[in-house]
Amino acid sequence: MDIMEGGDVEKTVGYNSLGHALEAATLGVPHGSDSAALGRDEDTALVMKKVINAYGGNPDLMNDQYGMSDSIGRMTAGYIDDLNYSATNFAGSGDAYNREELFGSGRNDFGDLQTKKFLLTVGRNEESYEIASSVQQVYTASGISGHADQSDAMAFAKRSMWFHGALDEARTEQIGKDFAEEADKKNMALEQQAEWRKFAVGAAVAGGVAVATGPVAVAAYPIVVPLAEQAGEAVKTGSSNEIAEWLKENEYDNSRQAVATQQDVIHAGQVAAATPILNYLDSSDVSEEDRRNFIDTLQGVYNDGRMATNTDNAPGQ
């Protein structure tokens, strides 16, 4: 089946099959596998690049292909490290920024613009958004805990805030469009969006990956999240229990927060994105002045991410 083929509800089974095939081709493990592992290589990354270009190049394609969204979410989760790396290349500044220091060597570069377009597509859909947002928080926690150098940890945190901002803006904007004249349905959608924040990180952390469980696990098999390279090294040296405990302690439960407006959702997204970062600051030797300046910077970076997927600034989206 052509990856660019559109469709309707009657083709759900076909699109589910397409999604499952693409999961296997990009993640290197069969769809439905209970293995907490990824089998990524050059060939699987090439398929993922085609997925990013296809769905990022047509923001409506995934919604037209009913039944694809969870697979797109799982593929996003499996390449969350490469997507963060690819998005850290403003005006070709990736080398100057030394992004390999943050995200590790050997990362796949899917292109800055292509990645932003793909995040717009992912963020627009409830299911893919929930998965991507949840695993991004796991990835953030692993990255800032894994960097021994404080400046690297803070740089990693800033890039994660940008990523969260891009996803949150895409989702809240889409909710506004979907329910512009139906206030009750819109409020229900906003409340449901916050439910993903009750996700939990499983204790299974091994081989440089974590397993997301709870509401985010939309099927009966795990969503595998590649940890930041530095955390992966810690796992290899026998610190897996410490990493799992750190991730567990830094999860965020938004279930008790009232969510009635798009502004509330953005606020909830900001809190969820910042939680592991603020916990890091609390446990680190950072001066009050530096802490304040860094938190101010985080707010600006988050808003920069929102601007990247705000279609009011991108005619034709």
C-alpha atoms as a PDB file:
ATOM      1  CA  MET A   1       0.000   0.000   0.000  1.00  0.00           C
ATOM      2  CA  ASP A   2       1.352   3.441  -0.935  1.00  0.00           C
ATOM      3  CA  ILE A   3       2.241   5.490   2.126  1.00  0.00           C
ATOM      4  CA  MET A   4       0.662   8.552   0.539  1.00  0.00           C
ATOM      5  CA  GLU A   5      -2.692   6.910  -0.226  1.00  0.00           C
ATOM      6  CA  GLY A   6      -5.657   8.627   1.462  1.00  0.00           C
ATOM      7  CA  GLY A   7      -8.761   6.871   2.694  1.00  0.00           C
ATOM      8  CA  ASP A   8     -11.899   6.789   4.826  1.00  0.00           C
ATOM      9  CA  VAL A   9     -13.315   4.884   7.762  1.00  0.00           C
ATOM     10  CA  GLU A  10     -14.068   1.851   5.598  1.00  0.00           C
ATOM     11  CA  LYS A  11     -10.347   1.402   5.098  1.00  0.00           C
ATOM     12  CA  THR A  12      -9.529   1.299   8.818  1.00  0.00           C
ATOM     13  CA  VAL A  13      -8.362  -2.304   8.728  1.00  0.00           C
ATOM     14  CA  GLY A  14      -6.112  -1.567   5.791  1.00  0.00           C
ATOM     15  CA  TYR A  15      -4.574   1.454   7.480  1.00  0.00           C
ATOM     16  CA  ASN A  16      -4.082  -0.469  10.695  1.00  0.00           C
ATOM     17  CA  SER A  17      -2.170  -3.037   8.693  1.00  0.00           C
ATOM     18  CA  LEU A  18      -0.158  -0.309   6.998  1.00  0.00           C
ATOM     19  CA  GLY A  19       0.664   1.197  10.375  1.00  0.00           C
ATOM     20  CA  HIS A  20       1.720  -2.134  11.806  1.00  0.00           C
ATOM     21  CA  ALA A  21       3.941  -2.811   8.809  1.00  0.00           C
ATOM     22  CA  LEU A  22       5.561   0.608   9.129  1.00  0.00           C
ATOM     23  CA  GLU A  23       6.130   0.045  12.855  1.00  0.00           C
ATOM     24  CA  ALA A  24       8.008  -3.162  12.096  1.00  0.00           C
ATOM     25  CA  ALA A  25       9.964  -1.523   9.274  1.00  0.00           C
ATOM     26  CA  THR A  26      11.004   1.503  11.355  1.00  0.00           C
ATOM     27  CA  LEU A  27      11.463   0.013  14.814  1.00  0.00           C
ATOM     28  CA  GLY A  28      13.015  -3.257  13.761  1.00  0.00           C
ATOM     29  CA  VAL A  29      10.662  -5.414  15.843  1.00  0.00           C
ATOM     30  CA  PRO A  30       7.370  -7.002  14.779  1.00  0.00           C
ATOM     31  CA  HIS A  31       4.157  -5.192  15.604  1.00  0.00           C
ATOM     32  CA  GLY A  32       2.638  -6.587  18.791  1.00  0.00           C
ATOM     33  CA  SER A  33       5.951  -7.772  20.144  1.00  0.00           C
ATOM     34  CA  ASP A  34       6.218  -7.740  23.924  1.00  0.00           C
ATOM     35  CA  SER A  35       9.945  -7.200  23.614  1.00  0.00           C
ATOM     36  CA  ALA A  36      11.235  -4.088  25.396  1.00  0.00           C
ATOM     37  CA  ALA A  37      13.784  -3.451  22.683  1.00  0.00           C
ATOM     38  CA  LEU A  38      14.382  -1.589  19.457  1.00  0.00           C
ATOM     39  CA  GLY A  39      16.068  -3.024  16.369  1.00  0.00           C
ATOM     40  CA  ARG A  40      16.960   0.223  14.644  1.00  0.00           C
ATOM     41  CA  ASP A  41      19.642   0.386  11.964  1.00  0.00           C
ATOM     42  CA  GLU A  42      20.390   2.316   8.776  1.00  0.00           C
ATOM     43  CA  ASP A  43      17.609   0.614   6.852  1.00  0.00           C
ATOM     44  CA  THR A  44      14.948   1.228   9.489  1.00  0.00           C
ATOM     45  CA  ALA A  45      16.034   4.866   9.796  1.00  0.00           C
ATOM     46  CA  LEU A  46      15.650   5.300   6.038  1.00  0.00           C
ATOM     47  CA  VAL A  47      12.052   4.084   6.272  1.00  0.00           C
ATOM     48  CA  MET A  48      11.439   6.451   9.193  1.00  0.00           C
ATOM     49  CA  LYS A  49      12.754   9.341   7.155  1.00  0.00           C
ATOM     50  CA  LYS A  50      10.235   8.487   4.419  1.00  0.00           C
ATOM     51  CA  VAL A  51       7.468   8.384   7.036  1.00  0.00           C
ATOM     52  CA  ILE A  52       8.504  11.799   8.361  1.00  0.00           C
ATOM     53  CA  ASN A  53       8.594  13.325   4.894  1.00  0.00           C
ATOM     54  CA  ALA A  54       5.277  11.777   3.860  1.00  0.00           C
ATOM     55  CA  TYR A  55       3.234  12.662   6.926  1.00  0.00           C
ATOM     56  CA  GLY A  56       5.026  15.921   7.645  1.00  0.00           C
ATOM     57  CA  GLY A  57       4.530  16.961   4.054  1.00  0.00           C
ATOM     58  CA  ASN A  58       0.770  16.389   4.307  1.00  0.00           C
ATOM     59  CA  PRO A  59      -0.593  17.297   7.773  1.00  0.00           C
ATOM     60  CA  ASP A  60      -4.033  15.893   6.933  1.00  0.00           C
ATOM     61  CA  LEU A  61      -2.800  12.511   5.709  1.00  0.00           C
ATOM     62  CA  MET A  62      -2.789  10.735   9.063  1.00  0.00           C
ATOM     63  CA  ASN A  63      -6.312  11.843   9.906  1.00  0.00           C
ATOM     64  CA  ASP A  64      -7.448  10.712   6.456  1.00  0.00           C
ATOM     65  CA  GLN A  65      -5.898   7.321   7.124  1.00  0.00           C
ATOM     66  CA  TYR A  66      -8.158   6.352   9.999  1.00  0.00           C
ATOM     67  CA  GLY A  67      -6.407   3.888  12.304  1.00  0.00           C
ATOM     68  CA  MET A  68      -2.841   5.072  11.686  1.00  0.00           C
ATOM     69  CA  SER A  69      -2.398   7.463  14.606  1.00  0.00           C
ATOM     70  CA  ASP A  70      -1.220   5.003  17.274  1.00  0.00           C
ATOM     71  CA  SER A  71       1.390   3.598  14.904  1.00  0.00           C
ATOM     72  CA  ILE A  72       2.656   7.081  14.072  1.00  0.00           C
ATOM     73  CA  GLY A  73       2.862   7.726  17.813  1.00  0.00           C
ATOM     74  CA  ARG A  74       4.861   4.556  18.413  1.00  0.00           C
ATOM     75  CA  MET A  75       7.249   5.355  15.576  1.00  0.00           C
ATOM     76  CA  THR A  76       7.703   8.840  17.013  1.00  0.00           C
ATOM     77  CA  ALA A  77       8.454   7.283  20.395  1.00  0.00           C
ATOM     78  CA  GLY A  78      11.012   4.927  18.883  1.00  0.00           C
ATOM     79  CA  TYR A  79      12.891   7.818  17.278  1.00  0.00           C
ATOM     80  CA  ILE A  80      12.373  10.459  19.959  1.00  0.00           C
ATOM     81  CA  ASP A  81      16.148  10.871  20.328  1.00  0.00           C
ATOM     82  CA  ASP A  82      16.716  11.397  16.605  1.00  0.00           C
ATOM     83  CA  LEU A  83      13.768  13.790  16.363  1.00  0.00           C
ATOM     84  CA  ASN A  84      15.146  15.931  19.194  1.00  0.00           C
ATOM     85  CA  TYR A  85      18.539  15.880  17.504  1.00  0.00           C
ATOM     86  CA  SER A  86      17.058  16.816  14.129  1.00  0.00           C
ATOM     87  CA  ALA A  87      15.076  19.727  15.589  1.00  0.00           C
ATOM     88  CA  THR A  88      18.249  21.151  17.133  1.00  0.00           C
ATOM     89  CA  ASN A  89      19.621  22.651  13.939  1.00  0.00           C
ATOM     90  CA  PHE A  90      18.353  26.217  13.673  1.00  0.00           C
ATOM     91  CA  ALA A  91      19.615  27.712  10.392  1.00  0.00           C
ATOM     92  CA  GLY A  92      22.098  24.837  10.079  1.00  0.00           C
ATOM     93  CA  SER A  93      23.660  25.544  13.494  1.00  0.00           C
ATOM     94  CA  GLY A  94      23.684  21.940  14.703  1.00  0.00           C
ATOM     95  CA  ASP A  95      27.464  21.583  14.578  1.00  0.00           C
ATOM     96  CA  ALA A  96      28.048  24.990  16.145  1.00  0.00           C
ATOM     97  CA  TYR A  97      25.594  24.032  18.894  1.00  0.00           C
ATOM     98  CA  ASN A  98      27.498  20.759  19.328  1.00  0.00           C
ATOM     99  CA  ARG A  99      24.260  18.824  19.434  1.00  0.00           C
ATOM    100  CA  GLU A 100      26.125  15.513  19.439  1.00  0.00           C
ATOM    101  CA  GLU A 101      27.347  16.426  22.903  1.00  0.00           C
ATOM    102  CA  LEU A 102      23.718  16.613  24.013  1.00  0.00           C
ATOM    103  CA  PHE A 103      22.088  13.769  22.098  1.00  0.00           C
ATOM    104  CA  GLY A 104      24.983  11.427  21.387  1.00  0.00           C
ATOM    105  CA  SER A 105      26.924  10.525  18.286  1.00  0.00           C
ATOM    106  CA  GLY A 106      25.516   8.576  15.387  1.00  0.00           C
ATOM    107  CA  ARG A 107      22.073  10.177  15.530  1.00  0.00           C
ATOM    108  CA  ASN A 108      19.949  10.271  12.387  1.00  0.00           C
ATOM    109  CA  ASP A 109      19.317  13.759  11.008  1.00  0.00           C
ATOM    110  CA  PHE A 110      15.854  13.940   9.476  1.00  0.00           C
ATOM    111  CA  GLY A 111      16.127  17.650   8.720  1.00  0.00           C
ATOM    112  CA  ASP A 112      15.092  20.597  10.858  1.00  0.00           C
ATOM    113  CA  LEU A 113      12.169  21.755   8.699  1.00  0.00           C
ATOM    114  CA  GLN A 114      10.942  18.230   7.961  1.00  0.00           C
ATOM    115  CA  THR A 115      10.975  17.424  11.683  1.00  0.00           C
ATOM    116  CA  LYS A 116       8.950  20.531  12.551  1.00  0.00           C
ATOM    117  CA  LYS A 117       6.358  19.646   9.932  1.00  0.00           C
ATOM    118  CA  PHE A 118       6.178  16.104  11.260  1.00  0.00           C
ATOM    119  CA  LEU A 119       5.656  17.340  14.829  1.00  0.00           C
ATOM    120  CA  LEU A 120       2.776  19.457  13.571  1.00  0.00           C
ATOM    121  CA  THR A 121       1.155  16.325  12.155  1.00  0.00           C
ATOM    122  CA  VAL A 122       1.854  14.247  15.263  1.00  0.00           C
ATOM    123  CA  GLY A 123       0.569  16.950  17.586  1.00  0.00           C
ATOM    124  CA  ARG A 124      -2.679  17.450  15.719  1.00  0.00           C
ATOM    125  CA  ASN A 125      -3.966  13.965  16.479  1.00  0.00           C
ATOM    126  CA  GLU A 126      -5.027  13.058  20.013  1.00  0.00           C
ATOM    127  CA  GLU A 127      -3.573   9.570  20.072  1.00  0.00           C
ATOM    128  CA  SER A 128      -0.204  10.299  18.479  1.00  0.00           C
ATOM    129  CA  TYR A 129       0.101  13.457  20.583  1.00  0.00           C
ATOM    130  CA  GLU A 130      -0.506  11.586  23.816  1.00  0.00           C
ATOM    131  CA  ILE A 131       2.191   9.050  23.031  1.00  0.00           C
ATOM    132  CA  ALA A 132       4.746  11.598  21.801  1.00  0.00           C
ATOM    133  CA  SER A 133       4.231  13.990  24.707  1.00  0.00           C
ATOM    134  CA  SER A 134       4.512  11.232  27.283  1.00  0.00           C
ATOM    135  CA  VAL A 135       7.669   9.701  25.901  1.00  0.00           C
ATOM    136  CA  GLN A 136       9.261  13.122  25.468  1.00  0.00           C
ATOM    137  CA  GLN A 137       8.994  13.597  29.215  1.00  0.00           C
ATOM    138  CA  VAL A 138      10.644  10.210  29.766  1.00  0.00           C
ATOM    139  CA  TYR A 139      13.395  11.136  27.327  1.00  0.00           C
ATOM    140  CA  THR A 140      13.901  14.491  29.054  1.00  0.00           C
ATOM    141  CA  ALA A 141      14.228  12.873  32.456  1.00  0.00           C
ATOM    142  CA  SER A 142      16.806  10.420  31.138  1.00  0.00           C
ATOM    143  CA  GLY A 143      18.805  13.158  29.423  1.00  0.00           C
ATOM    144  CA  ILE A 144      19.103  15.661  32.228  1.00  0.00           C
ATOM    145  CA  SER A 145      19.810  12.936  34.788  1.00  0.00           C
ATOM    146  CA  GLY A 146      22.421  11.400  32.510  1.00  0.00           C
ATOM    147  CA  HIS A 147      24.461  14.548  31.840  1.00  0.00           C
ATOM    148  CA  ALA A 148      27.129  15.063  34.465  1.00  0.00           C
ATOM    149  CA  ASP A 149      27.963  18.510  33.107  1.00  0.00           C
ATOM    150  CA  GLN A 150      25.404  21.034  34.372  1.00  0.00           C
ATOM    151  CA  SER A 151      25.543  23.239  31.278  1.00  0.00           C
ATOM    152  CA  ASP A 152      24.866  20.223  29.052  1.00  0.00           C
ATOM    153  CA  ALA A 153      21.940  19.150  31.240  1.00  0.00           C
ATOM    154  CA  MET A 154      20.429  22.631  31.026  1.00  0.00           C
ATOM    155  CA  ALA A 155      20.927  22.810  27.273  1.00  0.00           C
ATOM    156  CA  PHE A 156      19.234  19.425  26.935  1.00  0.00           C
ATOM    157  CA  ALA A 157      16.356  20.688  29.076  1.00  0.00           C
ATOM    158  CA  LYS A 158      15.882  23.758  26.885  1.00  0.00           C
ATOM    159  CA  ARG A 159      15.650  21.698  23.731  1.00  0.00           C
ATOM    160  CA  SER A 160      13.079  19.450  25.403  1.00  0.00           C
ATOM    161  CA  MET A 161      10.962  22.467  26.330  1.00  0.00           C
ATOM    162  CA  TRP A 162      10.979  23.541  22.688  1.00  0.00           C
ATOM    163  CA  PHE A 163       9.833  20.051  21.664  1.00  0.00           C
ATOM    164  CA  HIS A 164       6.976  20.078  24.170  1.00  0.00           C
ATOM    165  CA  GLY A 165       5.920  23.540  23.044  1.00  0.00           C
ATOM    166  CA  ALA A 166       5.720  22.418  19.420  1.00  0.00           C
ATOM    167  CA  LEU A 167       3.533  19.414  20.271  1.00  0.00           C
ATOM    168  CA  ASP A 168       1.263  21.304  22.691  1.00  0.00           C
ATOM    169  CA  GLU A 169       0.559  24.130  20.260  1.00  0.00           C
ATOM    170  CA  ALA A 170      -0.326  21.734  17.453  1.00  0.00           C
ATOM    171  CA  ARG A 171      -2.750  19.812  19.650  1.00  0.00           C
ATOM    172  CA  THR A 172      -4.523  22.763  21.277  1.00  0.00           C
ATOM    173  CA  GLU A 173      -4.862  24.520  17.941  1.00  0.00           C
ATOM    174  CA  GLN A 174      -6.440  21.430  16.413  1.00  0.00           C
ATOM    175  CA  ILE A 175      -8.898  21.104  19.299  1.00  0.00           C
ATOM    176  CA  GLY A 176      -9.913  24.704  18.720  1.00  0.00           C
ATOM    177  CA  LYS A 177     -10.540  23.991  15.042  1.00  0.00           C
ATOM    178  CA  ASP A 178     -12.378  20.729  15.606  1.00  0.00           C
ATOM    179  CA  PHE A 179     -14.811  22.093  18.177  1.00  0.00           C
ATOM    180  CA  ALA A 180     -14.981  25.784  17.324  1.00  0.00           C
ATOM    181  CA  GLU A 181     -18.769  25.865  17.632  1.00  0.00           C
ATOM    182  CA  GLU A 182     -19.310  22.975  20.055  1.00  0.00           C
ATOM    183  CA  ALA A 183     -18.239  24.153  23.488  1.00  0.00           C
ATOM    184  CA  ASP A 184     -19.196  20.993  25.371  1.00  0.00           C
ATOM    185  CA  LYS A 185     -17.281  18.672  23.032  1.00  0.00           C
ATOM    186  CA  LYS A 186     -14.312  21.028  23.032  1.00  0.00           C
ATOM    187  CA  ASN A 187     -14.149  21.048  26.836  1.00  0.00           C
ATOM    188  CA  MET A 188     -14.411  17.262  26.896  1.00  0.00           C
ATOM    189  CA  ALA A 189     -11.530  16.979  24.435  1.00  0.00           C
ATOM    190  CA  LEU A 190      -9.433  19.335  26.528  1.00  0.00           C
ATOM    191  CA  GLU A 191     -10.112  17.283  29.646  1.00  0.00           C
ATOM    192  CA  GLN A 192      -9.224  14.054  27.840  1.00  0.00           C
ATOM    193  CA  GLN A 193      -5.986  15.556  26.596  1.00  0.00           C
ATOM    194  CA  ALA A 194      -4.834  16.027  30.173  1.00  0.00           C
ATOM    195  CA  GLU A 195      -5.506  12.382  31.041  1.00  0.00           C
ATOM    196  CA  TRP A 196      -2.307  11.179  29.357  1.00  0.00           C
ATOM    197  CA  ARG A 197      -0.303  12.888  32.071  1.00  0.00           C
ATOM    198  CA  LYS A 198      -1.222  10.076  34.440  1.00  0.00           C
ATOM    199  CA  PHE A 199       1.187   7.823  32.581  1.00  0.00           C
ATOM    200  CA  ALA A 200       3.733   5.834  34.524  1.00  0.00           C
ATOM    201  CA  VAL A 201       7.204   4.741  33.644  1.00  0.00           C
ATOM    202  CA  GLY A 202       7.623   1.030  34.122  1.00  0.00           C
ATOM    203  CA  ALA A 203      10.446  -0.393  36.153  1.00  0.00           C
ATOM    204  CA  ALA A 204      11.805  -2.176  33.085  1.00  0.00           C
ATOM    205  CA  VAL A 205      14.817  -0.142  32.018  1.00  0.00           C
ATOM    206  CA  ALA A 206      17.516  -2.027  30.170  1.00  0.00           C
ATOM    207  CA  GLY A 207      19.703  -1.818  27.112  1.00  0.00           C
ATOM    208  CA  GLY A 208      19.304   1.943  26.851  1.00  0.00           C
ATOM    209  CA  VAL A 209      15.498   1.948  26.625  1.00  0.00           C
ATOM    210  CA  ALA A 210      12.563   2.513  28.991  1.00  0.00           C
ATOM    211  CA  VAL A 211       9.029   1.192  28.781  1.00  0.00           C
ATOM    212  CA  ALA A 212       6.068   3.560  29.118  1.00  0.00           C
ATOM    213  CA  THR A 213       3.039   1.996  30.754  1.00  0.00           C
ATOM    214  CA  GLY A 214      -0.359   3.143  31.979  1.00  0.00           C
ATOM    215  CA  PRO A 215      -2.895   5.121  29.910  1.00  0.00           C
ATOM    216  CA  VAL A 216      -0.255   5.890  27.299  1.00  0.00           C
ATOM    217  CA  ALA A 217       0.085   2.206  26.411  1.00  0.00           C
ATOM    218  CA  VAL A 218      -2.770   2.238  23.941  1.00  0.00           C
ATOM    219  CA  ALA A 219      -2.402  -1.443  23.183  1.00  0.00           C
ATOM    220  CA  ALA A 220      -1.475  -4.557  25.124  1.00  0.00           C
ATOM    221  CA  TYR A 221       2.217  -4.263  24.369  1.00  0.00           C
ATOM    222  CA  PRO A 222       4.822  -1.749  25.525  1.00  0.00           C
ATOM    223  CA  ILE A 223       5.819   1.569  24.032  1.00  0.00           C
ATOM    224  CA  VAL A 224       9.607   1.501  23.941  1.00  0.00           C
ATOM    225  CA  VAL A 225      11.408   4.795  24.499  1.00  0.00           C
ATOM    226  CA  PRO A 226      15.113   5.179  23.711  1.00  0.00           C
ATOM    227  CA  LEU A 227      16.845   6.866  26.632  1.00  0.00           C
ATOM    228  CA  ALA A 228      19.342   9.642  26.132  1.00  0.00           C
ATOM    229  CA  GLU A 229      22.748   8.181  25.311  1.00  0.00           C
ATOM    230  CA  GLN A 230      24.228   9.226  28.649  1.00  0.00           C
ATOM    231  CA  ALA A 231      21.454   7.475  30.569  1.00  0.00           C
ATOM    232  CA  GLY A 232      21.925   4.464  28.350  1.00  0.00           C
ATOM    233  CA  GLU A 233      25.545   4.295  29.396  1.00  0.00           C
ATOM    234  CA  ALA A 234      24.459   4.412  33.030  1.00  0.00           C
ATOM    235  CA  VAL A 235      22.188   1.460  32.361  1.00  0.00           C
ATOM    236  CA  LYS A 236      25.033  -0.471  30.838  1.00  0.00           C
ATOM    237  CA  THR A 237      27.143   0.137  33.932  1.00  0.00           C
ATOM    238  CA  GLY A 238      24.541  -1.304  36.240  1.00  0.00           C
ATOM    239  CA  SER A 239      22.542   1.780  37.231  1.00  0.00           C
ATOM    240  CA  SER A 240      19.276   0.653  35.656  1.00  0.00           C
ATOM    241  CA  ASN A 241      17.417   0.576  38.957  1.00  0.00           C
ATOM    242  CA  GLU A 242      18.526   4.118  39.751  1.00  0.00           C
ATOM    243  CA  ILE A 243      17.397   5.369  36.348  1.00  0.00           C
ATOM    244  CA  ALA A 244      14.018   3.643  36.687  1.00  0.00           C
ATOM    245  CA  GLU A 245      13.530   5.099  40.163  1.00  0.00           C
ATOM    246  CA  TRP A 246      14.510   8.584  38.978  1.00  0.00           C
ATOM    247  CA  LEU A 247      12.039   8.425  36.104  1.00  0.00           C
ATOM    248  CA  LYS A 248       9.304   7.154  38.398  1.00  0.00           C
ATOM    249  CA  GLU A 249       9.865   9.945  40.916  1.00  0.00           C
ATOM    250  CA  ASN A 250       9.689  12.582  38.209  1.00  0.00           C
ATOM    251  CA  GLU A 251       6.466  11.560  36.533  1.00  0.00           C
ATOM    252  CA  TYR A 252       3.620  14.048  36.558  1.00  0.00           C
ATOM    253  CA  ASP A 253      -0.026  13.376  37.368  1.00  0.00           C
ATOM    254  CA  ASN A 254      -2.407  16.002  36.017  1.00  0.00           C
ATOM    255  CA  SER A 255      -5.592  14.068  36.710  1.00  0.00           C
ATOM    256  CA  ARG A 256      -6.781  16.385  39.475  1.00  0.00           C
ATOM    257  CA  GLN A 257      -6.261  19.615  37.561  1.00  0.00           C
ATOM    258  CA  ALA A 258      -9.335  21.236  36.036  1.00  0.00           C
ATOM    259  CA  VAL A 259      -8.858  21.797  32.325  1.00  0.00           C
ATOM    260  CA  ALA A 260     -11.510  24.018  30.787  1.00  0.00           C
ATOM    261  CA  THR A 261      -9.772  26.110  28.151  1.00  0.00           C
ATOM    262  CA  GLN A 262      -6.956  25.863  25.644  1.00  0.00           C
ATOM    263  CA  GLN A 263      -4.949  28.145  27.912  1.00  0.00           C
ATOM    264  CA  ASP A 264      -5.392  25.628  30.722  1.00  0.00           C
ATOM    265  CA  VAL A 265      -4.062  22.889  28.471  1.00  0.00           C
ATOM    266  CA  ILE A 266      -1.009  24.939  27.530  1.00  0.00           C
ATOM    267  CA  HIS A 267      -0.395  25.589  31.219  1.00  0.00           C
ATOM    268  CA  ALA A 268      -0.731  21.882  32.012  1.00  0.00           C
ATOM    269  CA  GLY A 269       1.691  21.122  29.195  1.00  0.00           C
ATOM    270  CA  GLN A 270       4.191  23.632  30.552  1.00  0.00           C
ATOM    271  CA  VAL A 271       4.022  22.129  34.030  1.00  0.00           C
ATOM    272  CA  ALA A 272       4.447  18.597  32.717  1.00  0.00           C
ATOM    273  CA  ALA A 273       7.378  19.610  30.534  1.00  0.00           C
ATOM    274  CA  ALA A 274       9.074  21.524  33.325  1.00  0.00           C
ATOM    275  CA  THR A 275       8.574  18.992  36.131  1.00  0.00           C
ATOM    276  CA  PRO A 276      11.681  16.821  35.544  1.00  0.00           C
ATOM    277  CA  ILE A 277      13.725  19.965  34.849  1.00  0.00           C
ATOM    278  CA  LEU A 278      12.663  21.698  38.063  1.00  0.00           C
ATOM    279  CA  ASN A 279      13.351  18.520  40.004  1.00  0.00           C
ATOM    280  CA  TYR A 280      16.828  18.527  38.497  1.00  0.00           C
ATOM    281  CA  LEU A 281      17.365  22.129  39.585  1.00  0.00           C
ATOM    282  CA  ASP A 282      16.195  21.276  43.100  1.00  0.00           C
ATOM    283  CA  SER A 283      18.752  18.500  43.350  1.00  0.00           C
ATOM    284  CA  SER A 284      21.627  20.444  41.766  1.00  0.00           C
ATOM    285  CA  ASP A 285      23.977  23.121  43.002  1.00  0.00           C
ATOM    286  CA  VAL A 286      22.536  26.015  40.998  1.00  0.00           C
ATOM    287  CA  SER A 287      22.617  29.569  42.351  1.00  0.00           C
ATOM    288  CA  GLU A 288      19.353  31.430  42.829  1.00  0.00           C
ATOM    289  CA  GLU A 289      20.286  33.932  40.111  1.00  0.00           C
ATOM    290  CA  ASP A 290      21.133  31.199  37.614  1.00  0.00           C
ATOM    291  CA  ARG A 291      17.978  29.314  38.528  1.00  0.00           C
ATOM    292  CA  ARG A 292      15.812  32.359  37.867  1.00  0.00           C
ATOM    293  CA  ASN A 293      17.515  33.144  34.585  1.00  0.00           C
ATOM    294  CA  PHE A 294      17.209  29.554  33.439  1.00  0.00           C
ATOM    295  CA  ILE A 295      13.495  29.345  34.265  1.00  0.00           C
ATOM    296  CA  ASP A 296      12.913  32.587  32.338  1.00  0.00           C
ATOM    297  CA  THR A 297      14.775  31.038  29.423  1.00  0.00           C
ATOM    298  CA  LEU A 298      12.665  27.873  29.576  1.00  0.00           C
ATOM    299  CA  GLN A 299       9.492  29.900  29.141  1.00  0.00           C
ATOM    300  CA  GLY A 300      10.873  31.587  26.046  1.00  0.00           C
ATOM    301  CA  VAL A 301      12.085  28.323  24.535  1.00  0.00           C
ATOM    302  CA  TYR A 302       8.705  26.678  25.110  1.00  0.00           C
ATOM    303  CA  ASN A 303       7.006  29.551  23.304  1.00  0.00           C
ATOM    304  CA  ASP A 304       9.523  29.251  20.467  1.00  0.00           C
ATOM    305  CA  GLY A 305       8.410  25.648  20.061  1.00  0.00           C
ATOM    306  CA  ARG A 306       4.775  26.750  19.970  1.00  0.00           C
ATOM    307  CA  MET A 307       5.582  29.246  17.235  1.00  0.00           C
ATOM    308  CA  ALA A 308       7.135  26.461  15.137  1.00  0.00           C
ATOM    309  CA  THR A 309       3.792  24.647  14.830  1.00  0.00           C
ATOM    310  CA  ASN A 310       1.434  27.622  14.990  1.00  0.00           C
ATOM    311  CA  THR A 311      -0.230  27.501  11.590  1.00  0.00           C
ATOM    312  CA  ASP A 312      -1.268  31.143  11.836  1.00  0.00           C
ATOM    313  CA  ASN A 313       2.400  31.795  11.110  1.00  0.00           C
ATOM    314  CA  ALA A 314       2.585  29.227   8.301  1.00  0.00           C
ATOM    315  CA  PRO A 315       0.110  29.973   5.510  1.00  0.00           C
ATOM    316  CA  GLY A 316      -1.176  26.916   3.720  1.00  0.00           C
ATOM    317  CA  GLN A 317      -0.980  24.523   6.682  1.00  0.00           C
END
